[in-house]
Amino acid sequence: MRTLVDLGNSQIQALDELSKKEKRSRASLIRQAIDDYLGKRRDKQAGDAFGLWGKRKVDGLAYQEKVRGEW
């Protein structure tokens, strides 16, 4: 599917240079960039599903047993 995207001159120049260096089309580079961006966003959203606990250093089961032991 075709999509129209406005890019600045410096972006076009950088894409053209990279295109020549990697022997790939400009469109291929843009598709890869979009895939990379979407992949990172997907990974971030999946990590968000774990809530605040994901950043804790304590094992969840050990914490649960400790808290229940206080009852």
PDB file of N, CA and C in Angstrom:
ATOM      1  N   MET A   1       0.844  -1.167   0.000  1.00  0.00           N
ATOM      2  CA  MET A   1       0.000   0.000   0.000  1.00  0.00           C
ATOM      3  C   MET A   1       0.895   1.237   0.000  1.00  0.00           C
ATOM      4  N   ARG A   2       0.540   2.189  -0.743  1.00  0.00           N
ATOM      5  CA  ARG A   2       1.314   3.428  -0.809  1.00  0.00           C
ATOM      6  C   ARG A   2       0.790   4.437   0.207  1.00  0.00           C
ATOM      7  N   THR A   3       1.732   5.196   0.766  1.00  0.00           N
ATOM      8  CA  THR A   3       1.403   6.238   1.732  1.00  0.00           C
ATOM      9  C   THR A   3       2.253   7.451   1.419  1.00  0.00           C
ATOM     10  N   LEU A   4       1.672   8.612   1.553  1.00  0.00           N
ATOM     11  CA  LEU A   4       2.393   9.860   1.317  1.00  0.00           C
ATOM     12  C   LEU A   4       2.901  10.393   2.647  1.00  0.00           C
ATOM     13  N   VAL A   5       4.214  10.648   2.712  1.00  0.00           N
ATOM     14  CA  VAL A   5       4.832  11.174   3.925  1.00  0.00           C
ATOM     15  C   VAL A   5       5.735  12.332   3.524  1.00  0.00           C
ATOM     16  N   ASP A   6       5.621  13.440   4.244  1.00  0.00           N
ATOM     17  CA  ASP A   6       6.480  14.595   3.976  1.00  0.00           C
ATOM     18  C   ASP A   6       7.755  14.484   4.795  1.00  0.00           C
ATOM     19  N   LEU A   7       8.902  14.539   4.122  1.00  0.00           N
ATOM     20  CA  LEU A   7      10.196  14.484   4.787  1.00  0.00           C
ATOM     21  C   LEU A   7      10.983  15.733   4.450  1.00  0.00           C
ATOM     22  N   GLY A   8      11.831  16.142   5.358  1.00  0.00           N
ATOM     23  CA  GLY A   8      12.680  17.294   5.126  1.00  0.00           C
ATOM     24  C   GLY A   8      13.847  16.957   4.213  1.00  0.00           C
ATOM     25  N   ASN A   9      14.471  17.986   3.661  1.00  0.00           N
ATOM     26  CA  ASN A   9      15.600  17.777   2.746  1.00  0.00           C
ATOM     27  C   ASN A   9      16.740  17.001   3.400  1.00  0.00           C
ATOM     28  N   SER A  10      17.030  17.314   4.659  1.00  0.00           N
ATOM     29  CA  SER A  10      18.132  16.618   5.341  1.00  0.00           C
ATOM     30  C   SER A  10      17.794  15.138   5.546  1.00  0.00           C
ATOM     31  N   GLN A  11      16.534  14.837   5.773  1.00  0.00           N
ATOM     32  CA  GLN A  11      16.129  13.435   5.926  1.00  0.00           C
ATOM     33  C   GLN A  11      16.270  12.690   4.604  1.00  0.00           C
ATOM     34  N   ILE A  12      15.874  13.331   3.525  1.00  0.00           N
ATOM     35  CA  ILE A  12      15.998  12.715   2.196  1.00  0.00           C
ATOM     36  C   ILE A  12      17.471  12.473   1.865  1.00  0.00           C
ATOM     37  N   GLN A  13      18.311  13.472   2.149  1.00  0.00           N
ATOM     38  CA  GLN A  13      19.746  13.318   1.877  1.00  0.00           C
ATOM     39  C   GLN A  13      20.330  12.162   2.681  1.00  0.00           C
ATOM     40  N   ALA A  14      19.984  12.097   3.958  1.00  0.00           N
ATOM     41  CA  ALA A  14      20.501  11.031   4.816  1.00  0.00           C
ATOM     42  C   ALA A  14      20.013   9.666   4.321  1.00  0.00           C
ATOM     43  N   LEU A  15      18.760   9.587   3.922  1.00  0.00           N
ATOM     44  CA  LEU A  15      18.226   8.334   3.387  1.00  0.00           C
ATOM     45  C   LEU A  15      18.930   7.933   2.099  1.00  0.00           C
ATOM     46  N   ASP A  16      19.163   8.901   1.238  1.00  0.00           N
ATOM     47  CA  ASP A  16      19.847   8.609  -0.026  1.00  0.00           C
ATOM     48  C   ASP A  16      21.269   8.104   0.204  1.00  0.00           C
ATOM     49  N   GLU A  17      21.974   8.728   1.153  1.00  0.00           N
ATOM     50  CA  GLU A  17      23.339   8.294   1.464  1.00  0.00           C
ATOM     51  C   GLU A  17      23.331   6.866   2.025  1.00  0.00           C
ATOM     52  N   LEU A  18      22.424   6.608   2.938  1.00  0.00           N
ATOM     53  CA  LEU A  18      22.323   5.278   3.524  1.00  0.00           C
ATOM     54  C   LEU A  18      21.888   4.253   2.483  1.00  0.00           C
ATOM     55  N   SER A  19      21.011   4.674   1.589  1.00  0.00           N
ATOM     56  CA  SER A  19      20.534   3.807   0.519  1.00  0.00           C
ATOM     57  C   SER A  19      21.687   3.350  -0.372  1.00  0.00           C
ATOM     58  N   LYS A  20      22.551   4.279  -0.728  1.00  0.00           N
ATOM     59  CA  LYS A  20      23.710   3.938  -1.559  1.00  0.00           C
ATOM     60  C   LYS A  20      24.673   3.039  -0.800  1.00  0.00           C
ATOM     61  N   LYS A  21      24.906   3.370   0.480  1.00  0.00           N
ATOM     62  CA  LYS A  21      25.850   2.611   1.297  1.00  0.00           C
ATOM     63  C   LYS A  21      25.385   1.166   1.491  1.00  0.00           C
ATOM     64  N   GLU A  22      24.106   0.983   1.759  1.00  0.00           N
ATOM     65  CA  GLU A  22      23.579  -0.354   2.034  1.00  0.00           C
ATOM     66  C   GLU A  22      23.017  -1.056   0.802  1.00  0.00           C
ATOM     67  N   LYS A  23      23.016  -0.339  -0.329  1.00  0.00           N
ATOM     68  CA  LYS A  23      22.483  -0.886  -1.584  1.00  0.00           C
ATOM     69  C   LYS A  23      21.045  -1.380  -1.401  1.00  0.00           C
ATOM     70  N   ARG A  24      20.257  -0.508  -0.796  1.00  0.00           N
ATOM     71  CA  ARG A  24      18.833  -0.779  -0.563  1.00  0.00           C
ATOM     72  C   ARG A  24      18.055   0.448  -1.026  1.00  0.00           C
ATOM     73  N   SER A  25      16.808   0.235  -1.344  1.00  0.00           N
ATOM     74  CA  SER A  25      15.989   1.365  -1.775  1.00  0.00           C
ATOM     75  C   SER A  25      15.611   2.238  -0.581  1.00  0.00           C
ATOM     76  N   ARG A  26      15.286   3.460  -0.868  1.00  0.00           N
ATOM     77  CA  ARG A  26      14.829   4.390   0.161  1.00  0.00           C
ATOM     78  C   ARG A  26      13.569   3.841   0.830  1.00  0.00           C
ATOM     79  N   ALA A  27      12.661   3.302   0.034  1.00  0.00           N
ATOM     80  CA  ALA A  27      11.416   2.741   0.566  1.00  0.00           C
ATOM     81  C   ALA A  27      11.705   1.591   1.528  1.00  0.00           C
ATOM     82  N   SER A  28      12.695   0.764   1.191  1.00  0.00           N
ATOM     83  CA  SER A  28      13.058  -0.357   2.054  1.00  0.00           C
ATOM     84  C   SER A  28      13.586   0.144   3.396  1.00  0.00           C
ATOM     85  N   LEU A  29      14.399   1.181   3.363  1.00  0.00           N
ATOM     86  CA  LEU A  29      14.927   1.757   4.602  1.00  0.00           C
ATOM     87  C   LEU A  29      13.807   2.331   5.466  1.00  0.00           C
ATOM     88  N   ILE A  30      12.860   2.992   4.833  1.00  0.00           N
ATOM     89  CA  ILE A  30      11.743   3.581   5.576  1.00  0.00           C
ATOM     90  C   ILE A  30      10.877   2.485   6.182  1.00  0.00           C
ATOM     91  N   ARG A  31      10.605   1.427   5.425  1.00  0.00           N
ATOM     92  CA  ARG A  31       9.823   0.309   5.967  1.00  0.00           C
ATOM     93  C   ARG A  31      10.522  -0.312   7.172  1.00  0.00           C
ATOM     94  N   GLN A  32      11.846  -0.487   7.067  1.00  0.00           N
ATOM     95  CA  GLN A  32      12.609  -1.061   8.173  1.00  0.00           C
ATOM     96  C   GLN A  32      12.565  -0.139   9.395  1.00  0.00           C
ATOM     97  N   ALA A  33      12.678   1.158   9.170  1.00  0.00           N
ATOM     98  CA  ALA A  33      12.622   2.113  10.277  1.00  0.00           C
ATOM     99  C   ALA A  33      11.267   2.059  10.979  1.00  0.00           C
ATOM    100  N   ILE A  34      10.213   1.947  10.209  1.00  0.00           N
ATOM    101  CA  ILE A  34       8.866   1.864  10.790  1.00  0.00           C
ATOM    102  C   ILE A  34       8.701   0.563  11.560  1.00  0.00           C
ATOM    103  N   ASP A  35       9.190  -0.549  10.999  1.00  0.00           N
ATOM    104  CA  ASP A  35       9.128  -1.831  11.698  1.00  0.00           C
ATOM    105  C   ASP A  35       9.878  -1.765  13.033  1.00  0.00           C
ATOM    106  N   ASP A  36      11.062  -1.154  13.021  1.00  0.00           N
ATOM    107  CA  ASP A  36      11.851  -1.022  14.245  1.00  0.00           C
ATOM    108  C   ASP A  36      11.105  -0.184  15.281  1.00  0.00           C
ATOM    109  N   TYR A  37      10.539   0.929  14.851  1.00  0.00           N
ATOM    110  CA  TYR A  37       9.800   1.820  15.742  1.00  0.00           C
ATOM    111  C   TYR A  37       8.602   1.105  16.351  1.00  0.00           C
ATOM    112  N   LEU A  38       7.831   0.429  15.514  1.00  0.00           N
ATOM    113  CA  LEU A  38       6.644  -0.277  16.009  1.00  0.00           C
ATOM    114  C   LEU A  38       7.027  -1.419  16.944  1.00  0.00           C
ATOM    115  N   GLY A  39       8.114  -2.099  16.639  1.00  0.00           N
ATOM    116  CA  GLY A  39       8.587  -3.170  17.506  1.00  0.00           C
ATOM    117  C   GLY A  39       8.961  -2.661  18.887  1.00  0.00           C
ATOM    118  N   LYS A  40       9.645  -1.526  18.942  1.00  0.00           N
ATOM    119  CA  LYS A  40      10.018  -0.938  20.229  1.00  0.00           C
ATOM    120  C   LYS A  40       8.788  -0.507  21.014  1.00  0.00           C
ATOM    121  N   ARG A  41       7.818   0.045  20.320  1.00  0.00           N
ATOM    122  CA  ARG A  41       6.578   0.474  20.992  1.00  0.00           C
ATOM    123  C   ARG A  41       5.826  -0.729  21.535  1.00  0.00           C
ATOM    124  N   ARG A  42       5.792  -1.808  20.761  1.00  0.00           N
ATOM    125  CA  ARG A  42       5.117  -3.038  21.190  1.00  0.00           C
ATOM    126  C   ARG A  42       5.790  -3.600  22.436  1.00  0.00           C
ATOM    127  N   ASP A  43       7.133  -3.615  22.433  1.00  0.00           N
ATOM    128  CA  ASP A  43       7.877  -4.120  23.582  1.00  0.00           C
ATOM    129  C   ASP A  43       7.610  -3.268  24.813  1.00  0.00           C
ATOM    130  N   LYS A  44       7.553  -1.959  24.628  1.00  0.00           N
ATOM    131  CA  LYS A  44       7.298  -1.052  25.748  1.00  0.00           C
ATOM    132  C   LYS A  44       5.899  -1.283  26.298  1.00  0.00           C
ATOM    133  N   GLN A  45       4.918  -1.447  25.432  1.00  0.00           N
ATOM    134  CA  GLN A  45       3.548  -1.666  25.876  1.00  0.00           C
ATOM    135  C   GLN A  45       3.424  -3.000  26.599  1.00  0.00           C
ATOM    136  N   ALA A  46       4.138  -4.008  26.136  1.00  0.00           N
ATOM    137  CA  ALA A  46       4.101  -5.304  26.813  1.00  0.00           C
ATOM    138  C   ALA A  46       4.712  -5.186  28.199  1.00  0.00           C
ATOM    139  N   GLY A  47       5.782  -4.421  28.328  1.00  0.00           N
ATOM    140  CA  GLY A  47       6.412  -4.202  29.630  1.00  0.00           C
ATOM    141  C   GLY A  47       5.523  -3.425  30.575  1.00  0.00           C
ATOM    142  N   ASP A  48       4.720  -2.526  30.034  1.00  0.00           N
ATOM    143  CA  ASP A  48       3.807  -1.739  30.859  1.00  0.00           C
ATOM    144  C   ASP A  48       2.740  -2.610  31.505  1.00  0.00           C
ATOM    145  N   ALA A  49       2.455  -3.754  30.920  1.00  0.00           N
ATOM    146  CA  ALA A  49       1.423  -4.632  31.459  1.00  0.00           C
ATOM    147  C   ALA A  49       1.811  -5.190  32.819  1.00  0.00           C
ATOM    148  N   PHE A  50       3.093  -5.177  33.131  1.00  0.00           N
ATOM    149  CA  PHE A  50       3.548  -5.698  34.414  1.00  0.00           C
ATOM    150  C   PHE A  50       3.466  -4.656  35.524  1.00  0.00           C
ATOM    151  N   GLY A  51       3.062  -3.462  35.176  1.00  0.00           N
ATOM    152  CA  GLY A  51       2.860  -2.426  36.177  1.00  0.00           C
ATOM    153  C   GLY A  51       4.137  -2.008  36.874  1.00  0.00           C
ATOM    154  N   LEU A  52       3.992  -1.508  38.066  1.00  0.00           N
ATOM    155  CA  LEU A  52       5.128  -0.995  38.815  1.00  0.00           C
ATOM    156  C   LEU A  52       6.037  -2.097  39.342  1.00  0.00           C
ATOM    157  N   TRP A  53       5.498  -3.297  39.485  1.00  0.00           N
ATOM    158  CA  TRP A  53       6.287  -4.380  40.047  1.00  0.00           C
ATOM    159  C   TRP A  53       7.481  -4.739  39.176  1.00  0.00           C
ATOM    160  N   GLY A  54       7.378  -4.529  37.885  1.00  0.00           N
ATOM    161  CA  GLY A  54       8.434  -4.918  36.956  1.00  0.00           C
ATOM    162  C   GLY A  54       9.792  -4.309  37.261  1.00  0.00           C
ATOM    163  N   LYS A  55       9.842  -3.182  37.981  1.00  0.00           N
ATOM    164  CA  LYS A  55      11.111  -2.525  38.266  1.00  0.00           C
ATOM    165  C   LYS A  55      11.686  -2.922  39.619  1.00  0.00           C
ATOM    166  N   ARG A  56      10.971  -3.712  40.374  1.00  0.00           N
ATOM    167  CA  ARG A  56      11.446  -4.114  41.700  1.00  0.00           C
ATOM    168  C   ARG A  56      12.499  -5.210  41.574  1.00  0.00           C
ATOM    169  N   LYS A  57      13.422  -5.206  42.510  1.00  0.00           N
ATOM    170  CA  LYS A  57      14.503  -6.191  42.516  1.00  0.00           C
ATOM    171  C   LYS A  57      14.118  -7.452  43.286  1.00  0.00           C
ATOM    172  N   VAL A  58      13.061  -7.380  44.094  1.00  0.00           N
ATOM    173  CA  VAL A  58      12.644  -8.497  44.928  1.00  0.00           C
ATOM    174  C   VAL A  58      11.815  -9.475  44.107  1.00  0.00           C
ATOM    175  N   ASP A  59      12.054 -10.762  44.314  1.00  0.00           N
ATOM    176  CA  ASP A  59      11.260 -11.794  43.664  1.00  0.00           C
ATOM    177  C   ASP A  59       9.823 -11.702  44.172  1.00  0.00           C
ATOM    178  N   GLY A  60       8.859 -11.757  43.284  1.00  0.00           N
ATOM    179  CA  GLY A  60       7.451 -11.599  43.645  1.00  0.00           C
ATOM    180  C   GLY A  60       6.957 -12.660  44.606  1.00  0.00           C
ATOM    181  N   LEU A  61       7.370 -13.903  44.408  1.00  0.00           N
ATOM    182  CA  LEU A  61       6.930 -14.982  45.285  1.00  0.00           C
ATOM    183  C   LEU A  61       7.523 -14.827  46.681  1.00  0.00           C
ATOM    184  N   ALA A  62       8.796 -14.458  46.749  1.00  0.00           N
ATOM    185  CA  ALA A  62       9.436 -14.247  48.047  1.00  0.00           C
ATOM    186  C   ALA A  62       8.750 -13.113  48.799  1.00  0.00           C
ATOM    187  N   TYR A  63       8.426 -12.039  48.093  1.00  0.00           N
ATOM    188  CA  TYR A  63       7.726 -10.915  48.720  1.00  0.00           C
ATOM    189  C   TYR A  63       6.357 -11.353  49.233  1.00  0.00           C
ATOM    190  N   GLN A  64       5.641 -12.104  48.437  1.00  0.00           N
ATOM    191  CA  GLN A  64       4.312 -12.571  48.820  1.00  0.00           C
ATOM    192  C   GLN A  64       4.387 -13.437  50.082  1.00  0.00           C
ATOM    193  N   GLU A  65       5.354 -14.345  50.129  1.00  0.00           N
ATOM    194  CA  GLU A  65       5.513 -15.202  51.305  1.00  0.00           C
ATOM    195  C   GLU A  65       5.873 -14.388  52.550  1.00  0.00           C
ATOM    196  N   LYS A  66       6.717 -13.371  52.363  1.00  0.00           N
ATOM    197  CA  LYS A  66       7.101 -12.517  53.485  1.00  0.00           C
ATOM    198  C   LYS A  66       5.901 -11.770  54.033  1.00  0.00           C
ATOM    199  N   VAL A  67       5.104 -11.189  53.164  1.00  0.00           N
ATOM    200  CA  VAL A  67       3.944 -10.422  53.581  1.00  0.00           C
ATOM    201  C   VAL A  67       2.929 -11.344  54.249  1.00  0.00           C
ATOM    202  N   ARG A  68       2.701 -12.508  53.692  1.00  0.00           N
ATOM    203  CA  ARG A  68       1.734 -13.433  54.282  1.00  0.00           C
ATOM    204  C   ARG A  68       2.224 -13.947  55.639  1.00  0.00           C
ATOM    205  N   GLY A  69       3.531 -14.027  55.797  1.00  0.00           N
ATOM    206  CA  GLY A  69       4.100 -14.473  57.067  1.00  0.00           C
ATOM    207  C   GLY A  69       3.856 -13.478  58.180  1.00  0.00           C
ATOM    208  N   GLU A  70       3.567 -12.216  57.817  1.00  0.00           N
ATOM    209  CA  GLU A  70       3.326 -11.191  58.812  1.00  0.00           C
ATOM    210  C   GLU A  70       1.913 -11.271  59.394  1.00  0.00           C
ATOM    211  N   TRP A  71       1.051 -12.084  58.806  1.00  0.00           N
ATOM    212  CA  TRP A  71      -0.346 -12.153  59.280  1.00  0.00           C
ATOM    213  C   TRP A  71      -0.433 -12.874  60.561  1.00  0.00           C
TER     214      TRP A  71
END
